[in-house]
Amino acid sequence: MDSVYEWAKQNNMEFNHEKIVLLRYGDNDEVKLQTVVKDPRGQNINPSNNARDLGVIMDHQGTFVEHVAKVTVECRRLVSMIFRSFQTREETAMKALYKSLVLSKIDYCSPLYMPMETGELRKLEKIQFDFTLRIEGMKASGEMYPINYWKRLESLKLYSIERRQERYAAMYVCVESNDRNGEESGSRVRGHWTKRSPGKRKDRRKISRQNIKEQRCSHIQRPTERTA
């Protein structure tokens, strides 16, 4: 930390000591007790139980349990607002509201906080499970019980939450892997074209990062049915 503070001083910068948070995690409690981290003023930084950065909460054990709980509560509140504010239960309208207000909140930074524990994942999956129950047409004709959850997803053309997060993680790894390979070969750096001979130079304005992602991850197919 001293070298970081020195770098800031040399570059005429200053860290806001009020925003510095210390998280200490690991099994070696002896190291935690014997080491001290100081802020730019030279005062000790007290360890925190959790830290929030760009809307994502991580606790001192390196897990995102608190963030999953927060997302679950906020999504439940949004779902309640949707059903209170709109009388229609028509599929198109409900899907549009769900994707724009609820699913977008679940997807935010999901490759980072993706739950590894079944219980945490079920909390997020249950949001979609309950929402799709109330969409018009999700009950078989003449039946009082709703259609199976996986049949509902197939009918609505939706992924399960688990599948969406696995897909995002696979796409992220794919893009990062290709970026690193590009850096080693010198052909691309972080999704941008590097300098080439005039005869082979491409118009950079026509090349977007989204197009590059689609080309790199085109082999990831949309599943036609749920796999075990």
C-alpha atoms as a PDB file:
ATOM      1  CA  MET A   1       0.000   0.000   0.000  1.00  0.00           C
ATOM      2  CA  ASP A   2       2.914   2.351   0.676  1.00  0.00           C
ATOM      3  CA  SER A   3       4.069   2.034  -2.937  1.00  0.00           C
ATOM      4  CA  VAL A   4       0.533   2.800  -4.141  1.00  0.00           C
ATOM      5  CA  TYR A   5       0.325   5.904  -1.964  1.00  0.00           C
ATOM      6  CA  GLU A   6       3.753   6.995  -3.201  1.00  0.00           C
ATOM      7  CA  TRP A   7       2.655   6.537  -6.807  1.00  0.00           C
ATOM      8  CA  ALA A   8      -0.408   8.693  -6.158  1.00  0.00           C
ATOM      9  CA  LYS A   9       1.747  11.400  -4.605  1.00  0.00           C
ATOM     10  CA  GLN A  10       4.157  11.419  -7.553  1.00  0.00           C
ATOM     11  CA  ASN A  11       1.229  11.786  -9.964  1.00  0.00           C
ATOM     12  CA  ASN A  12      -0.384  14.593  -7.967  1.00  0.00           C
ATOM     13  CA  MET A  13      -3.320  12.381  -6.931  1.00  0.00           C
ATOM     14  CA  GLU A  14      -4.986  11.642  -3.639  1.00  0.00           C
ATOM     15  CA  PHE A  15      -6.977   8.654  -2.413  1.00  0.00           C
ATOM     16  CA  ASN A  16     -10.216   9.254  -0.525  1.00  0.00           C
ATOM     17  CA  HIS A  17      -9.533   7.537   2.788  1.00  0.00           C
ATOM     18  CA  GLU A  18     -13.262   7.401   3.567  1.00  0.00           C
ATOM     19  CA  LYS A  19     -13.846   5.053   0.633  1.00  0.00           C
ATOM     20  CA  ILE A  20     -11.049   2.597   1.382  1.00  0.00           C
ATOM     21  CA  VAL A  21     -12.429  -0.736   2.602  1.00  0.00           C
ATOM     22  CA  LEU A  22     -10.409  -3.655   3.962  1.00  0.00           C
ATOM     23  CA  LEU A  23     -11.626  -7.231   3.576  1.00  0.00           C
ATOM     24  CA  ARG A  24      -9.543  -9.981   5.165  1.00  0.00           C
ATOM     25  CA  TYR A  25     -10.358 -13.550   4.242  1.00  0.00           C
ATOM     26  CA  GLY A  26      -8.495 -16.834   4.489  1.00  0.00           C
ATOM     27  CA  ASP A  27      -7.763 -19.547   7.052  1.00  0.00           C
ATOM     28  CA  ASN A  28      -4.607 -18.029   8.544  1.00  0.00           C
ATOM     29  CA  ASP A  29      -5.991 -15.975  11.436  1.00  0.00           C
ATOM     30  CA  GLU A  30      -2.489 -15.371  12.779  1.00  0.00           C
ATOM     31  CA  VAL A  31      -1.551 -13.325   9.720  1.00  0.00           C
ATOM     32  CA  LYS A  32      -4.749 -11.315  10.022  1.00  0.00           C
ATOM     33  CA  LEU A  33      -4.006 -10.405  13.618  1.00  0.00           C
ATOM     34  CA  GLN A  34      -0.324  -9.607  13.157  1.00  0.00           C
ATOM     35  CA  THR A  35      -0.563  -7.425  10.042  1.00  0.00           C
ATOM     36  CA  VAL A  36      -1.921  -3.897   9.853  1.00  0.00           C
ATOM     37  CA  VAL A  37      -2.984  -1.909   6.790  1.00  0.00           C
ATOM     38  CA  LYS A  38      -2.863   1.895   6.936  1.00  0.00           C
ATOM     39  CA  ASP A  39      -4.713   4.523   4.942  1.00  0.00           C
ATOM     40  CA  PRO A  40      -3.016   7.539   3.253  1.00  0.00           C
ATOM     41  CA  ARG A  41      -3.161   9.488   6.534  1.00  0.00           C
ATOM     42  CA  GLY A  42      -1.209   6.748   8.321  1.00  0.00           C
ATOM     43  CA  GLN A  43      -4.158   5.536  10.384  1.00  0.00           C
ATOM     44  CA  ASN A  44      -5.115   1.876  10.671  1.00  0.00           C
ATOM     45  CA  ILE A  45      -7.909   0.600   8.406  1.00  0.00           C
ATOM     46  CA  ASN A  46     -10.448  -1.435  10.337  1.00  0.00           C
ATOM     47  CA  PRO A  47     -11.522  -4.667   8.601  1.00  0.00           C
ATOM     48  CA  SER A  48     -15.082  -4.752   7.245  1.00  0.00           C
ATOM     49  CA  ASN A  49     -17.501  -7.637   6.961  1.00  0.00           C
ATOM     50  CA  ASN A  50     -18.471  -6.731   3.391  1.00  0.00           C
ATOM     51  CA  ALA A  51     -17.797  -4.250   0.627  1.00  0.00           C
ATOM     52  CA  ARG A  52     -19.972  -2.909  -2.187  1.00  0.00           C
ATOM     53  CA  ASP A  53     -18.365  -2.025  -5.505  1.00  0.00           C
ATOM     54  CA  LEU A  54     -20.311  -1.161  -8.673  1.00  0.00           C
ATOM     55  CA  GLY A  55     -23.446  -2.531  -7.058  1.00  0.00           C
ATOM     56  CA  VAL A  56     -21.999  -5.953  -6.188  1.00  0.00           C
ATOM     57  CA  ILE A  57     -21.539  -6.945  -2.528  1.00  0.00           C
ATOM     58  CA  MET A  58     -18.767  -9.317  -1.467  1.00  0.00           C
ATOM     59  CA  ASP A  59     -18.292 -10.412   2.122  1.00  0.00           C
ATOM     60  CA  HIS A  60     -15.107 -11.033   4.096  1.00  0.00           C
ATOM     61  CA  GLN A  61     -15.212 -14.730   3.199  1.00  0.00           C
ATOM     62  CA  GLY A  62     -15.044 -13.983  -0.517  1.00  0.00           C
ATOM     63  CA  THR A  63     -18.649 -15.015  -1.185  1.00  0.00           C
ATOM     64  CA  PHE A  64     -21.664 -13.155  -2.572  1.00  0.00           C
ATOM     65  CA  VAL A  65     -24.389 -14.494  -0.283  1.00  0.00           C
ATOM     66  CA  GLU A  66     -25.439 -10.998   0.781  1.00  0.00           C
ATOM     67  CA  HIS A  67     -25.595  -9.843  -2.823  1.00  0.00           C
ATOM     68  CA  VAL A  68     -27.817 -12.768  -3.825  1.00  0.00           C
ATOM     69  CA  ALA A  69     -30.138 -11.956  -0.915  1.00  0.00           C
ATOM     70  CA  LYS A  70     -30.244  -8.287  -1.939  1.00  0.00           C
ATOM     71  CA  VAL A  71     -30.987  -9.103  -5.588  1.00  0.00           C
ATOM     72  CA  THR A  72     -33.717 -11.545  -4.528  1.00  0.00           C
ATOM     73  CA  VAL A  73     -35.467  -8.941  -2.366  1.00  0.00           C
ATOM     74  CA  GLU A  74     -35.252  -6.232  -5.035  1.00  0.00           C
ATOM     75  CA  CYS A  75     -36.553  -8.540  -7.768  1.00  0.00           C
ATOM     76  CA  ARG A  76     -39.440  -9.673  -5.565  1.00  0.00           C
ATOM     77  CA  ARG A  77     -40.334  -6.042  -5.004  1.00  0.00           C
ATOM     78  CA  LEU A  78     -40.259  -5.350  -8.759  1.00  0.00           C
ATOM     79  CA  VAL A  79     -42.409  -8.393  -9.506  1.00  0.00           C
ATOM     80  CA  SER A  80     -45.008  -7.202  -6.991  1.00  0.00           C
ATOM     81  CA  MET A  81     -44.963  -3.735  -8.553  1.00  0.00           C
ATOM     82  CA  ILE A  82     -45.537  -5.183 -12.031  1.00  0.00           C
ATOM     83  CA  PHE A  83     -48.572  -7.223 -11.000  1.00  0.00           C
ATOM     84  CA  ARG A  84     -50.020  -4.308  -9.017  1.00  0.00           C
ATOM     85  CA  SER A  85     -49.539  -1.792 -11.824  1.00  0.00           C
ATOM     86  CA  PHE A  86     -50.717  -3.815 -14.840  1.00  0.00           C
ATOM     87  CA  GLN A  87     -53.987  -5.686 -15.223  1.00  0.00           C
ATOM     88  CA  THR A  88     -52.908  -7.622 -18.296  1.00  0.00           C
ATOM     89  CA  ARG A  89     -51.276 -11.023 -17.964  1.00  0.00           C
ATOM     90  CA  GLU A  90     -50.752 -11.383 -21.706  1.00  0.00           C
ATOM     91  CA  GLU A  91     -47.535 -13.193 -22.633  1.00  0.00           C
ATOM     92  CA  THR A  92     -45.895 -10.495 -24.776  1.00  0.00           C
ATOM     93  CA  ALA A  93     -46.448  -7.710 -22.248  1.00  0.00           C
ATOM     94  CA  MET A  94     -45.397  -9.813 -19.273  1.00  0.00           C
ATOM     95  CA  LYS A  95     -42.235 -11.032 -20.976  1.00  0.00           C
ATOM     96  CA  ALA A  96     -41.266  -7.488 -21.937  1.00  0.00           C
ATOM     97  CA  LEU A  97     -41.746  -6.234 -18.372  1.00  0.00           C
ATOM     98  CA  TYR A  98     -39.962  -9.228 -16.859  1.00  0.00           C
ATOM     99  CA  LYS A  99     -36.933  -8.982 -19.144  1.00  0.00           C
ATOM    100  CA  SER A 100     -36.521  -5.215 -18.833  1.00  0.00           C
ATOM    101  CA  LEU A 101     -37.113  -4.825 -15.086  1.00  0.00           C
ATOM    102  CA  VAL A 102     -36.428  -8.142 -13.350  1.00  0.00           C
ATOM    103  CA  LEU A 103     -34.188 -10.303 -15.505  1.00  0.00           C
ATOM    104  CA  SER A 104     -31.815  -7.428 -16.237  1.00  0.00           C
ATOM    105  CA  LYS A 105     -31.192  -7.032 -12.498  1.00  0.00           C
ATOM    106  CA  ILE A 106     -30.466 -10.751 -12.093  1.00  0.00           C
ATOM    107  CA  ASP A 107     -28.126 -10.757 -15.101  1.00  0.00           C
ATOM    108  CA  TYR A 108     -26.067  -7.778 -13.912  1.00  0.00           C
ATOM    109  CA  CYS A 109     -22.554  -9.077 -13.139  1.00  0.00           C
ATOM    110  CA  SER A 110     -23.910 -12.639 -12.969  1.00  0.00           C
ATOM    111  CA  PRO A 111     -20.601 -14.209 -14.169  1.00  0.00           C
ATOM    112  CA  LEU A 112     -19.009 -12.687 -11.067  1.00  0.00           C
ATOM    113  CA  TYR A 113     -21.546 -13.496  -8.357  1.00  0.00           C
ATOM    114  CA  MET A 114     -23.036 -16.665  -9.895  1.00  0.00           C
ATOM    115  CA  PRO A 115     -24.089 -18.807  -6.878  1.00  0.00           C
ATOM    116  CA  MET A 116     -22.247 -22.086  -6.460  1.00  0.00           C
ATOM    117  CA  GLU A 117     -24.533 -23.359  -3.715  1.00  0.00           C
ATOM    118  CA  THR A 118     -27.828 -24.941  -4.761  1.00  0.00           C
ATOM    119  CA  GLY A 119     -29.782 -23.063  -2.102  1.00  0.00           C
ATOM    120  CA  GLU A 120     -28.589 -19.656  -3.296  1.00  0.00           C
ATOM    121  CA  LEU A 121     -29.306 -20.509  -6.926  1.00  0.00           C
ATOM    122  CA  ARG A 122     -32.830 -21.639  -6.059  1.00  0.00           C
ATOM    123  CA  LYS A 123     -33.577 -18.234  -4.555  1.00  0.00           C
ATOM    124  CA  LEU A 124     -32.988 -16.636  -7.957  1.00  0.00           C
ATOM    125  CA  GLU A 125     -34.668 -19.440  -9.905  1.00  0.00           C
ATOM    126  CA  LYS A 126     -37.775 -19.182  -7.719  1.00  0.00           C
ATOM    127  CA  ILE A 127     -38.297 -15.582  -8.899  1.00  0.00           C
ATOM    128  CA  GLN A 128     -38.713 -16.705 -12.487  1.00  0.00           C
ATOM    129  CA  PHE A 129     -40.661 -19.795 -11.409  1.00  0.00           C
ATOM    130  CA  ASP A 130     -43.282 -17.685  -9.625  1.00  0.00           C
ATOM    131  CA  PHE A 131     -43.460 -15.012 -12.333  1.00  0.00           C
ATOM    132  CA  THR A 132     -44.116 -17.459 -15.163  1.00  0.00           C
ATOM    133  CA  LEU A 133     -46.923 -19.064 -13.144  1.00  0.00           C
ATOM    134  CA  ARG A 134     -49.019 -15.916 -13.481  1.00  0.00           C
ATOM    135  CA  ILE A 135     -48.605 -15.422 -17.229  1.00  0.00           C
ATOM    136  CA  GLU A 136     -51.702 -16.051 -19.312  1.00  0.00           C
ATOM    137  CA  GLY A 137     -51.746 -19.440 -21.016  1.00  0.00           C
ATOM    138  CA  MET A 138     -49.379 -21.161 -18.610  1.00  0.00           C
ATOM    139  CA  LYS A 139     -52.092 -23.596 -17.542  1.00  0.00           C
ATOM    140  CA  ALA A 140     -53.116 -26.508 -19.709  1.00  0.00           C
ATOM    141  CA  SER A 141     -56.635 -26.168 -21.083  1.00  0.00           C
ATOM    142  CA  GLY A 142     -59.138 -27.790 -18.767  1.00  0.00           C
ATOM    143  CA  GLU A 143     -56.534 -28.315 -16.042  1.00  0.00           C
ATOM    144  CA  MET A 144     -56.390 -26.568 -12.673  1.00  0.00           C
ATOM    145  CA  TYR A 145     -52.654 -27.095 -12.223  1.00  0.00           C
ATOM    146  CA  PRO A 146     -50.025 -25.066 -14.090  1.00  0.00           C
ATOM    147  CA  ILE A 147     -47.737 -26.423 -16.773  1.00  0.00           C
ATOM    148  CA  ASN A 148     -44.410 -27.873 -15.648  1.00  0.00           C
ATOM    149  CA  TYR A 149     -41.745 -25.172 -15.132  1.00  0.00           C
ATOM    150  CA  TRP A 150     -39.502 -26.497 -17.906  1.00  0.00           C
ATOM    151  CA  LYS A 151     -42.442 -26.678 -20.299  1.00  0.00           C
ATOM    152  CA  ARG A 152     -43.301 -23.090 -19.424  1.00  0.00           C
ATOM    153  CA  LEU A 153     -39.756 -21.970 -20.234  1.00  0.00           C
ATOM    154  CA  GLU A 154     -39.899 -23.833 -23.533  1.00  0.00           C
ATOM    155  CA  SER A 155     -43.228 -22.217 -24.397  1.00  0.00           C
ATOM    156  CA  LEU A 156     -42.017 -18.728 -23.401  1.00  0.00           C
ATOM    157  CA  LYS A 157     -38.631 -19.272 -25.080  1.00  0.00           C
ATOM    158  CA  LEU A 158     -36.725 -18.448 -21.895  1.00  0.00           C
ATOM    159  CA  TYR A 159     -33.613 -19.936 -20.332  1.00  0.00           C
ATOM    160  CA  SER A 160     -33.581 -21.025 -16.727  1.00  0.00           C
ATOM    161  CA  ILE A 161     -31.560 -18.705 -14.480  1.00  0.00           C
ATOM    162  CA  GLU A 162     -28.927 -21.399 -14.015  1.00  0.00           C
ATOM    163  CA  ARG A 163     -28.574 -21.886 -17.768  1.00  0.00           C
ATOM    164  CA  ARG A 164     -28.345 -18.145 -18.428  1.00  0.00           C
ATOM    165  CA  GLN A 165     -25.553 -17.715 -15.914  1.00  0.00           C
ATOM    166  CA  GLU A 166     -23.657 -20.723 -17.251  1.00  0.00           C
ATOM    167  CA  ARG A 167     -23.986 -19.329 -20.764  1.00  0.00           C
ATOM    168  CA  TYR A 168     -22.734 -15.887 -19.722  1.00  0.00           C
ATOM    169  CA  ALA A 169     -19.781 -17.466 -17.939  1.00  0.00           C
ATOM    170  CA  ALA A 170     -18.921 -19.554 -21.010  1.00  0.00           C
ATOM    171  CA  MET A 171     -19.124 -16.515 -23.284  1.00  0.00           C
ATOM    172  CA  TYR A 172     -16.943 -14.477 -20.918  1.00  0.00           C
ATOM    173  CA  VAL A 173     -14.275 -17.188 -20.809  1.00  0.00           C
ATOM    174  CA  CYS A 174     -14.452 -17.518 -24.591  1.00  0.00           C
ATOM    175  CA  VAL A 175     -13.954 -13.780 -25.154  1.00  0.00           C
ATOM    176  CA  GLU A 176     -11.148 -13.501 -22.607  1.00  0.00           C
ATOM    177  CA  SER A 177      -9.389 -16.534 -24.059  1.00  0.00           C
ATOM    178  CA  ASN A 178      -9.511 -15.105 -27.561  1.00  0.00           C
ATOM    179  CA  ASP A 179      -8.340 -11.701 -26.315  1.00  0.00           C
ATOM    180  CA  ARG A 180      -5.285 -13.274 -24.689  1.00  0.00           C
ATOM    181  CA  ASN A 181      -4.534 -15.330 -27.773  1.00  0.00           C
ATOM    182  CA  GLY A 182      -4.839 -12.169 -29.831  1.00  0.00           C
ATOM    183  CA  GLU A 183      -2.379 -10.347 -27.584  1.00  0.00           C
ATOM    184  CA  GLU A 184       0.147 -13.165 -27.919  1.00  0.00           C
ATOM    185  CA  SER A 185      -0.159 -13.304 -31.714  1.00  0.00           C
ATOM    186  CA  GLY A 186      -0.289  -9.529 -32.108  1.00  0.00           C
ATOM    187  CA  SER A 187      -3.389  -9.623 -34.300  1.00  0.00           C
ATOM    188  CA  ARG A 188      -5.920  -8.213 -31.825  1.00  0.00           C
ATOM    189  CA  VAL A 189      -5.774  -6.516 -28.460  1.00  0.00           C
ATOM    190  CA  ARG A 190      -8.871  -6.416 -26.259  1.00  0.00           C
ATOM    191  CA  GLY A 191     -11.281  -6.601 -29.168  1.00  0.00           C
ATOM    192  CA  HIS A 192      -9.552  -3.938 -31.297  1.00  0.00           C
ATOM    193  CA  TRP A 193      -7.659  -4.390 -34.510  1.00  0.00           C
ATOM    194  CA  THR A 194      -3.946  -3.683 -34.322  1.00  0.00           C
ATOM    195  CA  LYS A 195      -1.883  -1.916 -36.940  1.00  0.00           C
ATOM    196  CA  ARG A 196      -1.470  -3.879 -40.171  1.00  0.00           C
ATOM    197  CA  SER A 197      -0.109  -3.276 -43.612  1.00  0.00           C
ATOM    198  CA  PRO A 198      -2.064  -0.654 -45.646  1.00  0.00           C
ATOM    199  CA  GLY A 199      -3.350  -3.295 -48.051  1.00  0.00           C
ATOM    200  CA  LYS A 200      -4.978  -5.327 -45.271  1.00  0.00           C
ATOM    201  CA  ARG A 201      -6.122  -2.516 -42.990  1.00  0.00           C
ATOM    202  CA  LYS A 202      -9.823  -2.591 -42.148  1.00  0.00           C
ATOM    203  CA  ASP A 203     -12.144   0.261 -41.401  1.00  0.00           C
ATOM    204  CA  ARG A 204     -12.176   0.316 -37.588  1.00  0.00           C
ATOM    205  CA  ARG A 205     -15.392   2.232 -37.444  1.00  0.00           C
ATOM    206  CA  LYS A 206     -17.244  -0.753 -38.912  1.00  0.00           C
ATOM    207  CA  ILE A 207     -15.861  -3.175 -36.356  1.00  0.00           C
ATOM    208  CA  SER A 208     -17.677  -3.207 -33.046  1.00  0.00           C
ATOM    209  CA  ARG A 209     -16.863  -5.243 -30.007  1.00  0.00           C
ATOM    210  CA  GLN A 210     -20.294  -6.815 -30.167  1.00  0.00           C
ATOM    211  CA  ASN A 211     -19.646  -8.170 -33.652  1.00  0.00           C
ATOM    212  CA  ILE A 212     -16.337  -9.597 -32.520  1.00  0.00           C
ATOM    213  CA  LYS A 213     -18.011 -11.326 -29.563  1.00  0.00           C
ATOM    214  CA  GLU A 214     -20.619 -12.849 -31.842  1.00  0.00           C
ATOM    215  CA  GLN A 215     -17.960 -14.163 -34.206  1.00  0.00           C
ATOM    216  CA  ARG A 216     -15.857 -15.620 -31.413  1.00  0.00           C
ATOM    217  CA  CYS A 217     -18.730 -17.271 -29.559  1.00  0.00           C
ATOM    218  CA  SER A 218     -20.834 -18.357 -32.530  1.00  0.00           C
ATOM    219  CA  HIS A 219     -20.124 -21.978 -31.663  1.00  0.00           C
ATOM    220  CA  ILE A 220     -22.169 -21.687 -28.429  1.00  0.00           C
ATOM    221  CA  GLN A 221     -25.511 -22.999 -29.626  1.00  0.00           C
ATOM    222  CA  ARG A 222     -28.891 -22.232 -28.117  1.00  0.00           C
ATOM    223  CA  PRO A 223     -30.142 -25.440 -26.485  1.00  0.00           C
ATOM    224  CA  THR A 224     -33.296 -27.031 -27.860  1.00  0.00           C
ATOM    225  CA  GLU A 225     -34.138 -28.900 -24.691  1.00  0.00           C
ATOM    226  CA  ARG A 226     -33.142 -29.061 -21.069  1.00  0.00           C
ATOM    227  CA  THR A 227     -30.202 -31.304 -20.317  1.00  0.00           C
ATOM    228  CA  ALA A 228     -29.669 -33.150 -17.067  1.00  0.00           C
END
